[in-house]
């Protein structure tokens, strides 16, 4: 019997890159749906592996995965997969941690540069009136980066790549990461903050590169915003629920935050129910040029997408066909793997 791998919500059609990885002895199913219920139950019950992007793999789905041995999250984050429940069911969960590292780091730095040098706001102003708006005064977030402090929350692959870029601009780098082993800062040559508060009070630019966990959910809230160094930029290319956007909006109103750049939001796609999104779209004069938003696309480049698709398929194939488990993120719960 041929093996079956389910791509429940892949946007890629056909799965040409993936078929090259699996060869002809594996059937790839690609219904391209947005929810568990929209896919025939038989596809869930009979698949040997799943490569999923957005559909939650939780208590609604996992009991139906009768044959599935591995779930590969088609990306770095895996907050849409219940690690404990999958582990109890004997299903390994893996991610693709190394496909968009430089792209996401570049996105964070690009947002910082857009604020510091005014590229986006100048373009918008000149588009509106290239003669009358021929002035530097539209950039209300301008600052010198050399000598400023770049604060990184989460010094993993992306956080490290981001910090190295900031150092190239002559910035002082400080980071906070309680999960990083003691002494790692010595190899980086960066300054380690003992607490999140310590980082917030000294950073001119705060960039978030942490995973979404119980500890990081709404880590940036009204209380923590109040501790940020006045006039700082805050940038997040991590996960939307890490930041309370209402608190960010209040921080902008009080000028505690000079600028906010978000490639991720608590609710995606963006909605006007989000107070910050609503204020940003209204583009009132007091907020103009102080907020940048992206559609959770910091990972994207054509090369990066090829890496993602290929590596996700390779991770699934290695385990299903050869029993080799790489990039497993639920190992602490995986007691009796299938």
Protein backbone atom coordinates (compact mmCIF):
# COMPACT_ATOMS: atom_id res chain seq x y z
CA UNK A 1 0.00 0.00 0.00
CA UNK A 2 1.34 3.44 -0.87
CA UNK A 3 1.93 5.91 1.91
CA UNK A 4 -0.35 8.94 2.16
CA UNK A 5 0.60 12.44 3.29
CA UNK A 6 -2.13 15.02 3.81
CA UNK A 7 -1.51 18.69 3.04
CA UNK A 8 -4.85 19.97 4.39
CA UNK A 9 -4.39 23.70 3.86
CA UNK A 10 -1.45 24.14 1.49
CA UNK A 11 -1.74 27.07 -0.90
CA UNK A 12 0.63 25.40 -3.32
CA UNK A 13 -0.97 23.62 -6.24
CA UNK A 14 0.38 21.44 -7.68
CA UNK A 15 2.66 20.08 -4.99
CA UNK A 16 5.49 19.79 -7.48
CA UNK A 17 8.41 20.39 -5.12
CA UNK A 18 6.93 18.03 -2.56
CA UNK A 19 6.43 15.23 -5.09
CA UNK A 20 10.13 15.37 -5.93
CA UNK A 21 10.93 14.75 -2.27
CA UNK A 22 8.48 11.88 -1.73
CA UNK A 23 8.88 10.21 -5.14
CA UNK A 24 6.13 8.10 -6.72
CA UNK A 25 5.44 5.72 -3.84
CA UNK A 26 3.63 8.33 -1.76
CA UNK A 27 0.19 9.82 -2.41
CA UNK A 28 -0.07 13.52 -1.58
CA UNK A 29 -3.56 14.85 -0.80
CA UNK A 30 -4.08 18.59 -1.12
CA UNK A 31 -7.70 19.67 -0.47
CA UNK A 32 -6.65 23.30 0.17
CA UNK A 33 -9.25 23.96 2.87
CA UNK A 34 -9.28 26.27 5.88
CA UNK A 35 -10.84 24.05 8.54
CA UNK A 36 -10.82 20.47 9.78
CA UNK A 37 -14.52 19.96 9.05
CA UNK A 38 -14.17 21.03 5.41
CA UNK A 39 -12.02 17.97 4.63
CA UNK A 40 -13.36 14.44 4.17
CA UNK A 41 -12.93 12.55 7.44
CA UNK A 42 -11.45 9.59 5.60
CA UNK A 43 -8.46 11.72 4.56
CA UNK A 44 -7.66 12.42 8.20
CA UNK A 45 -8.21 8.83 9.29
CA UNK A 46 -6.06 7.18 6.64
CA UNK A 47 -3.08 9.51 6.24
CA UNK A 48 0.37 8.44 7.43
CA UNK A 49 1.59 12.01 7.88
CA UNK A 50 0.35 15.59 7.82
CA UNK A 51 2.07 18.79 6.73
CA UNK A 52 -0.12 21.59 8.11
CA UNK A 53 0.02 25.37 7.93
CA UNK A 54 -2.90 26.96 9.77
CA UNK A 55 -5.62 24.43 10.66
CA UNK A 56 -5.51 23.71 14.42
CA UNK A 57 -4.34 20.24 15.34
CA UNK A 58 -6.21 19.96 18.63
CA UNK A 59 -8.79 17.84 20.42
CA UNK A 60 -11.20 18.20 17.50
CA UNK A 61 -8.73 16.68 15.04
CA UNK A 62 -6.28 14.42 16.85
CA UNK A 63 -8.72 11.61 17.86
CA UNK A 64 -9.44 11.09 14.14
CA UNK A 65 -5.79 10.60 13.18
CA UNK A 66 -5.86 6.80 13.28
CA UNK A 67 -2.72 6.11 11.23
CA UNK A 68 -0.83 9.39 11.37
CA UNK A 69 2.72 9.08 12.68
CA UNK A 70 3.97 12.64 12.25
CA UNK A 71 2.62 16.17 11.94
CA UNK A 72 5.00 18.67 10.38
CA UNK A 73 4.14 22.30 10.97
CA UNK A 74 4.86 24.06 7.69
CA UNK A 75 6.80 26.86 9.38
CA UNK A 76 8.75 27.75 12.50
CA UNK A 77 5.95 28.35 15.00
CA UNK A 78 3.75 25.47 16.16
CA UNK A 79 1.21 27.12 18.45
CA UNK A 80 -1.65 25.68 16.38
CA UNK A 81 -0.65 22.12 17.38
CA UNK A 82 -1.46 20.61 20.79
CA UNK A 83 1.91 19.11 21.70
CA UNK A 84 0.75 17.21 24.75
CA UNK A 85 -2.27 15.63 23.07
CA UNK A 86 -0.30 14.60 19.99
CA UNK A 87 2.43 13.14 22.18
CA UNK A 88 -0.11 11.12 24.16
CA UNK A 89 -1.48 9.78 20.88
CA UNK A 90 2.01 8.72 19.78
CA UNK A 91 2.21 11.30 17.01
CA UNK A 92 5.50 13.16 16.59
CA UNK A 93 5.30 16.90 15.88
CA UNK A 94 8.08 18.66 13.97
CA UNK A 95 8.66 22.14 12.63
CA UNK A 96 10.90 23.77 10.04
CA UNK A 97 13.13 26.05 12.13
CA UNK A 98 15.67 27.08 9.50
CA UNK A 99 13.90 28.23 6.37
CA UNK A 100 13.16 31.95 6.80
CA UNK A 101 15.67 33.05 9.39
CA UNK A 102 17.33 35.78 7.37
CA UNK A 103 14.09 37.00 5.80
CA UNK A 104 12.38 37.55 9.16
CA UNK A 105 15.48 39.19 10.63
CA UNK A 106 15.68 41.44 7.57
CA UNK A 107 12.01 42.37 8.01
CA UNK A 108 12.54 43.50 11.60
CA UNK A 109 15.55 45.59 10.63
CA UNK A 110 13.73 46.98 7.58
CA UNK A 111 10.93 48.26 9.81
CA UNK A 112 13.48 49.87 12.11
CA UNK A 113 15.18 51.55 9.17
CA UNK A 114 11.87 52.71 7.73
CA UNK A 115 11.13 54.51 10.99
CA UNK A 116 14.64 55.86 11.47
CA UNK A 117 15.10 57.09 7.91
CA UNK A 118 11.48 57.80 6.94
CA UNK A 119 11.42 55.82 3.70
CA UNK A 120 7.75 54.82 3.88
CA UNK A 121 6.35 58.13 5.12
CA UNK A 122 8.40 60.17 2.63
CA UNK A 123 7.14 58.02 -0.24
CA UNK A 124 3.52 58.38 0.91
CA UNK A 125 3.84 62.16 1.33
CA UNK A 126 5.49 62.69 -2.05
CA UNK A 127 2.91 60.51 -3.75
CA UNK A 128 0.24 62.81 -2.36
CA UNK A 129 1.97 66.03 -3.42
CA UNK A 130 5.54 65.80 -4.77
CA UNK A 131 6.07 69.56 -4.65
CA UNK A 132 4.47 70.75 -1.42
CA UNK A 133 5.69 67.70 0.52
CA UNK A 134 9.32 68.03 -0.57
CA UNK A 135 10.52 68.30 3.04
CA UNK A 136 12.10 66.20 5.79
CA UNK A 137 9.49 67.19 8.37
CA UNK A 138 7.14 64.29 7.62
CA UNK A 139 9.48 61.83 9.34
CA UNK A 140 8.33 62.16 12.94
CA UNK A 141 10.19 58.99 14.01
CA UNK A 142 13.67 59.91 12.78
CA UNK A 143 16.60 58.98 14.98
CA UNK A 144 20.30 58.15 14.76
CA UNK A 145 20.82 54.43 15.07
CA UNK A 146 24.55 54.51 15.72
CA UNK A 147 25.01 54.25 19.46
CA UNK A 148 21.36 53.42 20.13
CA UNK A 149 20.40 50.26 22.02
CA UNK A 150 18.77 47.38 20.16
CA UNK A 151 16.83 45.14 22.52
CA UNK A 152 16.07 41.60 21.38
CA UNK A 153 13.40 39.49 23.09
CA UNK A 154 14.22 35.89 22.18
CA UNK A 155 17.79 35.12 21.12
CA UNK A 156 17.13 32.10 18.92
CA UNK A 157 18.10 31.78 15.28
CA UNK A 158 16.10 34.80 14.11
CA UNK A 159 16.84 36.93 17.15
CA UNK A 160 20.56 36.31 16.72
CA UNK A 161 20.42 37.14 13.00
CA UNK A 162 18.54 40.33 13.80
CA UNK A 163 21.05 41.32 16.49
CA UNK A 164 24.02 40.79 14.18
CA UNK A 165 22.43 43.12 11.63
CA UNK A 166 21.84 45.77 14.28
CA UNK A 167 25.43 45.56 15.44
CA UNK A 168 26.54 46.25 11.86
CA UNK A 169 24.73 49.59 12.15
CA UNK A 170 26.82 50.49 15.19
CA UNK A 171 24.07 49.72 17.70
CA UNK A 172 24.54 48.30 21.17
CA UNK A 173 22.74 44.98 21.50
CA UNK A 174 21.02 43.76 24.65
CA UNK A 175 18.82 40.67 24.80
CA UNK A 176 16.43 38.86 27.11
CA UNK A 177 15.94 35.11 26.79
CA UNK A 178 15.40 33.02 29.96
CA UNK A 179 15.60 29.81 27.91
CA UNK A 180 19.10 30.45 26.62
CA UNK A 181 21.88 28.77 28.55
CA UNK A 182 23.94 30.89 30.92
CA UNK A 183 27.11 32.15 29.28
CA UNK A 184 25.79 32.13 25.72
CA UNK A 185 26.09 35.91 25.74
CA UNK A 186 29.86 35.56 25.96
CA UNK A 187 30.03 33.91 22.55
CA UNK A 188 27.71 36.52 21.03
CA UNK A 189 29.43 39.51 22.55
CA UNK A 190 26.04 40.99 23.43
CA UNK A 191 24.75 42.20 26.79
CA UNK A 192 22.28 39.96 28.57
CA UNK A 193 19.33 41.47 30.44
CA UNK A 194 18.41 39.50 33.55
CA UNK A 195 14.73 40.42 33.29
CA UNK A 196 12.33 41.69 30.67
CA UNK A 197 11.98 44.93 32.64
CA UNK A 198 15.74 45.45 32.47
CA UNK A 199 15.63 45.20 28.68
CA UNK A 200 12.59 47.46 28.27
CA UNK A 201 14.00 50.33 30.29
CA UNK A 202 17.25 50.63 28.28
CA UNK A 203 16.22 49.77 24.71
CA UNK A 204 15.69 52.38 22.02
CA UNK A 205 14.45 49.66 19.67
CA UNK A 206 12.66 46.57 20.97
CA UNK A 207 12.28 43.64 18.57
CA UNK A 208 10.39 40.46 19.44
CA UNK A 209 11.58 37.08 18.18
CA UNK A 210 10.06 34.78 20.82
CA UNK A 211 7.70 31.83 20.29
CA UNK A 212 4.10 32.03 21.45
CA UNK A 213 3.81 30.18 24.76
CA UNK A 214 1.83 30.53 27.96
CA UNK A 215 4.65 32.70 29.26
CA UNK A 216 4.87 35.00 26.23
CA UNK A 217 1.12 35.38 25.58
CA UNK A 218 0.39 39.11 26.02
CA UNK A 219 3.88 39.58 27.40
CA UNK A 220 3.71 43.11 26.01
CA UNK A 221 0.73 44.62 27.81
CA UNK A 222 -0.26 47.83 29.58
CA UNK A 223 2.03 47.05 32.51
CA UNK A 224 5.10 46.29 30.42
CA UNK A 225 4.49 49.15 27.97
CA UNK A 226 4.60 51.52 30.95
CA UNK A 227 8.16 50.30 31.64
CA UNK A 228 9.49 50.91 28.14
CA UNK A 229 12.07 53.64 27.68
CA UNK A 230 10.17 56.71 26.44
CA UNK A 231 10.42 57.24 22.71
CA UNK A 232 11.28 53.63 21.79
CA UNK A 233 10.33 51.69 18.67
CA UNK A 234 8.62 48.34 19.22
CA UNK A 235 8.74 45.78 16.41
CA UNK A 236 7.29 42.27 16.31
CA UNK A 237 7.77 39.68 13.58
CA UNK A 238 7.06 36.78 15.96
CA UNK A 239 3.45 35.90 16.90
CA UNK A 240 0.54 38.32 17.19
CA UNK A 241 -0.83 37.34 20.62
CA UNK A 242 2.49 38.23 22.27
CA UNK A 243 1.42 41.89 22.09
CA UNK A 244 -1.75 43.48 23.42
CA UNK A 245 -2.43 45.90 20.58
CA UNK A 246 -4.71 48.06 22.72
CA UNK A 247 -1.76 48.61 25.07
CA UNK A 248 0.46 49.48 22.10
CA UNK A 249 -2.07 52.05 20.94
CA UNK A 250 -2.13 53.66 24.38
CA UNK A 251 1.66 53.64 24.37
CA UNK A 252 1.64 55.55 21.09
CA UNK A 253 -0.90 58.04 22.43
CA UNK A 254 1.24 58.74 25.49
CA UNK A 255 4.43 58.88 23.37
CA UNK A 256 5.94 56.15 25.50
CA UNK A 257 6.21 54.41 22.13
CA UNK A 258 7.41 56.55 19.26
CA UNK A 259 6.70 53.88 16.65
CA UNK A 260 5.27 50.38 16.31
CA UNK A 261 6.01 47.90 13.51
CA UNK A 262 3.97 44.70 13.35
CA UNK A 263 4.15 41.89 10.82
CA UNK A 264 1.84 39.83 13.05
CA UNK A 265 -1.46 40.53 14.81
CA UNK A 266 -3.49 38.81 17.55
CA UNK A 267 -6.20 38.11 14.99
CA UNK A 268 -5.22 37.37 11.38
CA UNK A 269 -6.14 38.53 8.80
CA UNK A 270 -6.32 42.07 10.16
CA UNK A 271 -9.70 43.32 11.36
CA UNK A 272 -11.02 46.72 12.33
CA UNK A 273 -12.12 45.17 15.62
CA UNK A 274 -8.49 45.58 16.61
CA UNK A 275 -8.12 49.11 18.03
CA UNK A 276 -4.63 49.60 16.69
CA UNK A 277 -5.56 48.44 13.20
CA UNK A 278 -8.58 50.75 13.23
CA UNK A 279 -6.50 53.76 14.30
CA UNK A 280 -3.76 52.93 11.77
CA UNK A 281 -6.20 52.66 8.89
CA UNK A 282 -7.85 55.96 9.86
CA UNK A 283 -4.40 57.53 9.43
CA UNK A 284 -5.07 60.43 11.74
CA UNK A 285 -2.32 63.10 11.75
CA UNK A 286 -1.05 62.24 15.26
CA UNK A 287 -0.39 58.62 14.24
CA UNK A 288 0.77 59.14 10.67
CA UNK A 289 4.18 57.61 10.00
CA UNK A 290 4.35 55.94 13.40
CA UNK A 291 2.89 52.52 12.57
CA UNK A 292 3.93 49.96 9.96
CA UNK A 293 2.01 46.75 9.35
CA UNK A 294 2.69 43.65 7.28
CA UNK A 295 0.46 40.63 6.46
CA UNK A 296 2.56 38.08 8.40
CA UNK A 297 4.83 37.89 5.38
CA UNK A 298 8.21 38.52 6.98
CA UNK A 299 9.19 34.94 6.17
CA UNK A 300 8.56 35.33 2.47
CA UNK A 301 10.99 35.30 -0.39
CA UNK A 302 10.81 32.97 -3.39
CA UNK A 303 13.99 31.23 -2.17
CA UNK A 304 12.65 30.99 1.36
CA UNK A 305 9.41 29.44 0.18
CA UNK A 306 11.30 26.77 -1.75
CA UNK A 307 13.30 25.99 1.39
CA UNK A 308 10.15 25.76 3.50
CA UNK A 309 8.27 23.44 1.18
CA UNK A 310 11.27 21.21 0.56
CA UNK A 311 12.37 20.95 4.19
CA UNK A 312 8.85 20.28 5.47
CA UNK A 313 8.47 17.43 2.99
CA UNK A 314 11.92 16.06 3.83
CA UNK A 315 11.12 16.09 7.54
CA UNK A 316 7.92 14.11 6.99
CA UNK A 317 9.57 11.67 4.58
CA UNK A 318 12.52 10.96 6.85
CA UNK A 319 10.26 9.84 9.67
CA UNK A 320 7.57 8.04 7.69
CA UNK A 321 9.97 6.14 5.45
CA UNK A 322 13.20 5.90 7.43
CA UNK A 323 12.19 6.38 11.05
CA UNK A 324 14.52 9.37 11.42
CA UNK A 325 12.99 12.08 13.59
CA UNK A 326 14.35 15.62 13.22
CA UNK A 327 13.19 18.97 14.58
CA UNK A 328 10.76 17.27 16.99
CA UNK A 329 9.03 19.79 19.26
CA UNK A 330 6.87 17.45 21.39
CA UNK A 331 9.53 14.96 22.47
CA UNK A 332 8.78 15.53 26.17
CA UNK A 333 5.24 14.22 25.60
CA UNK A 334 6.02 11.55 22.99
CA UNK A 335 6.13 8.39 25.12
CA UNK A 336 5.06 5.67 22.69
CA UNK A 337 5.65 6.85 19.12
CA UNK A 338 3.75 5.06 16.39
